[in-house]
Amino acid sequence: MNRFRRVPLDVWFEPIIIGILGIGYALWYRSTTFTPTEKAALGWDNLQTTILAHIKLTVVATLIVVVLAIPLGIALTRPALRRLEPFAVNVANIGQAAPAVGLLVLFTFWLGTGFRTAIVGLVVYAILPILQNTIVGLRQVDQRTIEASRGIGFSGARTLFQVELPLAVPVILNGVRTALVILVGTATLSTFIGATSLGTLITTGVTLFLPKLLISGAILVGLLALIIDWLGRLVELAATPRGVA
């Protein structure tokens, strides 16, 4: 019982919300009459392909952002590059401040349409949370802890990997979770530039005035965002060193 109480509220409450929404949608789906177009779009074979394409967009973009943003955030907290931090954060902020649709459309003039263009646009749009959280996470490590590790003979690199990064993990992973949720929602817009995603259901529903298809697309995107956020929370909880809040 005490162990259950130590588990954060969102870790067990979020799956309940996911289950309620999922069961509710399944019951609605089974009791609703669909048009031939809706049946074709929501048939399992087509729906599976669409969901997997959406997940692929999200995961690939997230991996690229992580590979770019975390090393850059680490570098910007080192004394040699610290003065460049405001510039780098402001540049990353421009990507997120720009309208997502406009950003994706602009990239089509350079790269054309399709999966690659969607990935580039999503990476630019989602880099800020991970970059900023990496910087904040490393900056909040107590300087006395760093000095103590150097005092017992740790090199700068060893201090970074064995002291600073483990203590910064909760904040960094929180940024990754934020980026994932942003990407799940933003990936729906990739349908406008020829990349398959759950946004295809939404745009088709709007264009052909098929509200059931529109509702299905919106619910599925919401469920996917909640599931990914919950899985990210589990990883964050598992990767956080004991004693670190």
Protein backbone atom coordinates (compact mmCIF):
# COMPACT_ATOMS: atom_id res chain seq x y z
CA MET A 1 0.00 0.00 0.00
CA ASN A 2 2.82 2.41 0.86
CA ARG A 3 4.52 1.55 -2.41
CA PHE A 4 1.34 2.39 -4.33
CA ARG A 5 1.12 5.73 -2.57
CA ARG A 6 4.64 6.61 -3.69
CA VAL A 7 3.67 6.22 -7.36
CA PRO A 8 2.89 9.65 -8.86
CA LEU A 9 -0.79 10.29 -9.57
CA ASP A 10 -0.39 10.66 -13.35
CA VAL A 11 1.35 7.28 -13.71
CA TRP A 12 -1.79 5.33 -12.80
CA PHE A 13 -4.49 7.93 -13.55
CA GLU A 14 -3.53 8.57 -17.19
CA PRO A 15 -4.04 4.90 -18.25
CA ILE A 16 -7.54 5.08 -16.77
CA ILE A 17 -8.34 8.08 -18.99
CA ILE A 18 -6.83 6.26 -22.00
CA GLY A 19 -8.92 3.17 -21.25
CA ILE A 20 -12.15 5.16 -20.87
CA LEU A 21 -11.58 7.03 -24.14
CA GLY A 22 -10.54 3.88 -25.99
CA ILE A 23 -13.53 1.83 -24.80
CA GLY A 24 -15.88 4.74 -25.46
CA TYR A 25 -14.59 5.11 -29.02
CA ALA A 26 -14.80 1.35 -29.63
CA LEU A 27 -18.42 1.24 -28.46
CA TRP A 28 -19.29 4.27 -30.59
CA TYR A 29 -17.52 2.73 -33.60
CA ARG A 30 -19.46 -0.55 -33.28
CA SER A 31 -22.83 1.19 -32.96
CA THR A 32 -22.38 3.76 -35.74
CA THR A 33 -23.35 3.43 -39.39
CA PHE A 34 -20.62 4.67 -41.72
CA THR A 35 -20.71 5.74 -45.36
CA PRO A 36 -18.65 3.69 -47.87
CA THR A 37 -15.92 6.36 -47.80
CA GLU A 38 -15.79 6.28 -44.00
CA LYS A 39 -15.73 2.48 -43.98
CA ALA A 40 -12.81 2.47 -46.41
CA ALA A 41 -10.83 5.03 -44.40
CA LEU A 42 -11.57 3.39 -41.04
CA GLY A 43 -11.13 -0.21 -42.19
CA TRP A 44 -8.45 -1.90 -40.09
CA ASP A 45 -5.96 -2.43 -42.95
CA ASN A 46 -6.05 1.23 -43.98
CA LEU A 47 -6.27 2.51 -40.40
CA GLN A 48 -3.29 0.39 -39.32
CA THR A 49 -1.19 1.83 -42.15
CA THR A 50 -2.22 5.37 -41.25
CA ILE A 51 -1.50 4.95 -37.52
CA LEU A 52 1.90 3.35 -38.17
CA ALA A 53 2.80 6.14 -40.60
CA HIS A 54 1.88 8.72 -37.96
CA ILE A 55 3.96 6.92 -35.30
CA LYS A 56 6.88 6.66 -37.72
CA LEU A 57 6.79 10.41 -38.36
CA THR A 58 6.70 11.12 -34.63
CA VAL A 59 9.43 8.67 -33.61
CA VAL A 60 11.88 9.54 -36.41
CA ALA A 61 11.48 13.28 -35.79
CA THR A 62 11.92 12.77 -32.03
CA LEU A 63 15.09 10.69 -32.45
CA ILE A 64 16.62 13.34 -34.70
CA VAL A 65 15.68 16.12 -32.28
CA VAL A 66 17.19 14.18 -29.35
CA VAL A 67 20.43 13.54 -31.25
CA LEU A 68 20.69 17.24 -32.13
CA ALA A 69 19.28 19.02 -29.08
CA ILE A 70 20.82 17.14 -26.14
CA PRO A 71 24.47 17.36 -27.30
CA LEU A 72 23.90 21.00 -28.27
CA GLY A 73 22.36 21.73 -24.87
CA ILE A 74 25.33 20.08 -23.14
CA ALA A 75 27.78 22.08 -25.24
CA LEU A 76 26.01 25.35 -24.45
CA THR A 77 26.40 24.76 -20.70
CA ARG A 78 30.18 24.42 -21.00
CA PRO A 79 32.19 27.59 -20.24
CA ALA A 80 33.62 27.86 -23.77
CA LEU A 81 30.21 28.10 -25.47
CA ARG A 82 28.04 29.51 -22.68
CA ARG A 83 27.90 32.95 -24.31
CA LEU A 84 26.17 31.42 -27.35
CA GLU A 85 23.27 30.03 -25.34
CA PRO A 86 20.87 33.02 -25.80
CA PHE A 87 21.47 33.00 -29.56
CA ALA A 88 20.88 29.25 -29.92
CA VAL A 89 17.73 29.28 -27.76
CA ASN A 90 16.32 32.26 -29.68
CA VAL A 91 16.94 30.52 -33.01
CA ALA A 92 15.20 27.37 -31.73
CA ASN A 93 12.36 29.53 -30.44
CA ILE A 94 11.79 30.96 -33.92
CA GLY A 95 11.03 27.44 -35.17
CA GLN A 96 8.34 26.90 -32.55
CA ALA A 97 6.94 30.42 -32.73
CA ALA A 98 6.26 30.09 -36.47
CA PRO A 99 2.89 28.61 -37.48
CA ALA A 100 3.38 24.88 -38.03
CA VAL A 101 1.47 24.77 -41.31
CA GLY A 102 3.39 27.75 -42.67
CA LEU A 103 6.67 26.17 -41.64
CA LEU A 104 5.87 22.91 -43.42
CA VAL A 105 4.70 24.73 -46.55
CA LEU A 106 7.88 26.82 -46.65
CA PHE A 107 10.01 23.69 -46.54
CA THR A 108 8.15 22.27 -49.54
CA PHE A 109 9.64 25.03 -51.71
CA TRP A 110 13.09 23.78 -50.72
CA LEU A 111 12.65 20.01 -50.35
CA GLY A 112 9.42 19.24 -52.18
CA THR A 113 6.59 17.25 -50.63
CA GLY A 114 6.57 13.97 -48.74
CA PHE A 115 8.01 12.25 -45.68
CA ARG A 116 11.44 13.90 -45.69
CA THR A 117 10.02 17.41 -45.77
CA ALA A 118 7.59 16.60 -42.97
CA ILE A 119 10.47 15.29 -40.81
CA VAL A 120 12.55 18.44 -41.35
CA GLY A 121 9.61 20.67 -40.45
CA LEU A 122 8.77 18.63 -37.34
CA VAL A 123 12.39 18.66 -36.14
CA VAL A 124 12.61 22.44 -36.44
CA TYR A 125 9.27 22.82 -34.68
CA ALA A 126 10.08 20.54 -31.71
CA ILE A 127 13.75 21.23 -30.96
CA LEU A 128 13.14 23.98 -28.37
CA PRO A 129 11.67 21.93 -25.45
CA ILE A 130 14.52 19.41 -25.43
CA LEU A 131 17.24 22.00 -25.95
CA GLN A 132 15.89 24.28 -23.24
CA ASN A 133 15.27 21.48 -20.74
CA THR A 134 18.77 20.09 -21.29
CA ILE A 135 20.26 23.48 -20.49
CA VAL A 136 17.98 24.03 -17.48
CA GLY A 137 18.56 20.52 -16.17
CA LEU A 138 22.34 20.85 -16.26
CA ARG A 139 22.30 24.39 -14.89
CA GLN A 140 20.28 23.38 -11.85
CA VAL A 141 22.85 20.81 -10.70
CA ASP A 142 24.36 22.11 -7.48
CA GLN A 143 27.77 23.63 -8.17
CA ARG A 144 29.05 22.23 -4.89
CA THR A 145 28.29 18.71 -6.14
CA ILE A 146 30.29 19.37 -9.29
CA GLU A 147 33.19 20.81 -7.30
CA ALA A 148 33.12 17.81 -4.96
CA SER A 149 33.36 15.38 -7.88
CA ARG A 150 36.27 17.31 -9.33
CA GLY A 151 37.86 17.38 -5.87
CA ILE A 152 37.94 13.58 -5.68
CA GLY A 153 39.71 13.38 -9.01
CA PHE A 154 36.90 13.12 -11.60
CA SER A 155 37.71 14.62 -14.97
CA GLY A 156 35.34 17.10 -16.59
CA ALA A 157 33.92 14.40 -18.89
CA ARG A 158 33.48 11.91 -16.06
CA THR A 159 31.76 14.55 -13.93
CA LEU A 160 29.41 15.32 -16.81
CA PHE A 161 28.41 11.71 -17.47
CA GLN A 162 28.40 10.34 -13.92
CA VAL A 163 27.20 13.37 -11.95
CA GLU A 164 25.62 16.15 -14.01
CA LEU A 165 23.63 14.18 -16.58
CA PRO A 166 22.11 11.67 -14.10
CA LEU A 167 20.93 14.56 -11.93
CA ALA A 168 19.56 16.39 -14.97
CA VAL A 169 17.74 13.33 -16.37
CA PRO A 170 14.26 14.16 -14.97
CA VAL A 171 14.25 17.63 -16.53
CA ILE A 172 15.71 16.46 -19.85
CA LEU A 173 13.21 13.60 -20.18
CA ASN A 174 10.39 15.98 -19.35
CA GLY A 175 11.48 18.02 -22.35
CA VAL A 176 11.49 14.88 -24.50
CA ARG A 177 7.93 14.07 -23.36
CA THR A 178 6.83 17.60 -24.22
CA ALA A 179 8.42 17.34 -27.67
CA LEU A 180 6.75 13.96 -28.29
CA VAL A 181 3.29 15.30 -27.49
CA ILE A 182 3.92 18.37 -29.67
CA LEU A 183 5.05 16.15 -32.52
CA VAL A 184 2.03 13.82 -32.29
CA GLY A 185 -0.29 16.78 -32.74
CA THR A 186 1.80 18.61 -35.32
CA ALA A 187 2.34 15.47 -37.42
CA THR A 188 -1.34 15.61 -38.40
CA LEU A 189 -0.50 18.68 -40.50
CA SER A 190 1.96 16.70 -42.63
CA THR A 191 -0.99 15.49 -44.69
CA PHE A 192 -0.98 18.94 -46.36
CA ILE A 193 2.43 18.23 -47.88
CA GLY A 194 1.82 14.68 -48.99
CA ALA A 195 2.97 12.66 -45.96
CA THR A 196 0.54 10.05 -44.62
CA SER A 197 -0.68 10.59 -41.06
CA LEU A 198 -3.85 10.58 -38.99
CA GLY A 199 -4.34 14.10 -40.29
CA THR A 200 -5.53 12.45 -43.50
CA LEU A 201 -8.68 11.32 -41.69
CA ILE A 202 -9.28 14.81 -40.33
CA THR A 203 -8.73 16.65 -43.62
CA THR A 204 -10.83 14.12 -45.55
CA GLY A 205 -13.60 14.52 -42.97
CA VAL A 206 -13.51 18.30 -43.34
CA THR A 207 -13.21 18.32 -47.13
CA LEU A 208 -16.00 15.79 -47.79
CA PHE A 209 -18.08 16.87 -44.79
CA LEU A 210 -17.83 13.49 -43.06
CA PRO A 211 -18.06 14.39 -39.37
CA LYS A 212 -17.69 10.77 -38.20
CA LEU A 213 -14.37 10.50 -40.01
CA LEU A 214 -13.28 13.84 -38.56
CA ILE A 215 -14.24 12.74 -35.03
CA SER A 216 -12.42 9.43 -35.46
CA GLY A 217 -9.24 11.16 -36.58
CA ALA A 218 -9.33 13.63 -33.70
CA ILE A 219 -9.98 10.92 -31.08
CA LEU A 220 -7.24 8.66 -32.43
CA VAL A 221 -4.71 11.52 -32.39
CA GLY A 222 -5.72 12.35 -28.82
CA LEU A 223 -5.39 8.70 -27.73
CA LEU A 224 -2.00 8.38 -29.40
CA ALA A 225 -0.77 11.55 -27.68
CA LEU A 226 -1.95 10.29 -24.28
CA ILE A 227 -0.37 6.86 -24.77
CA ILE A 228 2.96 8.30 -25.85
CA ASP A 229 2.91 10.81 -23.00
CA TRP A 230 2.24 8.00 -20.50
CA LEU A 231 4.99 5.77 -21.90
CA GLY A 232 7.37 8.73 -21.76
CA ARG A 233 6.38 9.28 -18.13
CA LEU A 234 7.21 5.66 -17.31
CA VAL A 235 10.63 6.02 -18.95
CA GLU A 236 11.20 9.27 -17.07
CA LEU A 237 10.28 7.62 -13.78
CA ALA A 238 12.47 4.56 -14.43
CA ALA A 239 15.48 6.63 -15.54
CA THR A 240 15.36 9.08 -12.62
CA PRO A 241 18.05 8.17 -10.06
CA ARG A 242 16.79 7.26 -6.61
CA GLY A 243 16.55 10.26 -4.32
CA VAL A 244 16.15 12.69 -7.22
CA ALA A 245 12.70 14.26 -7.33
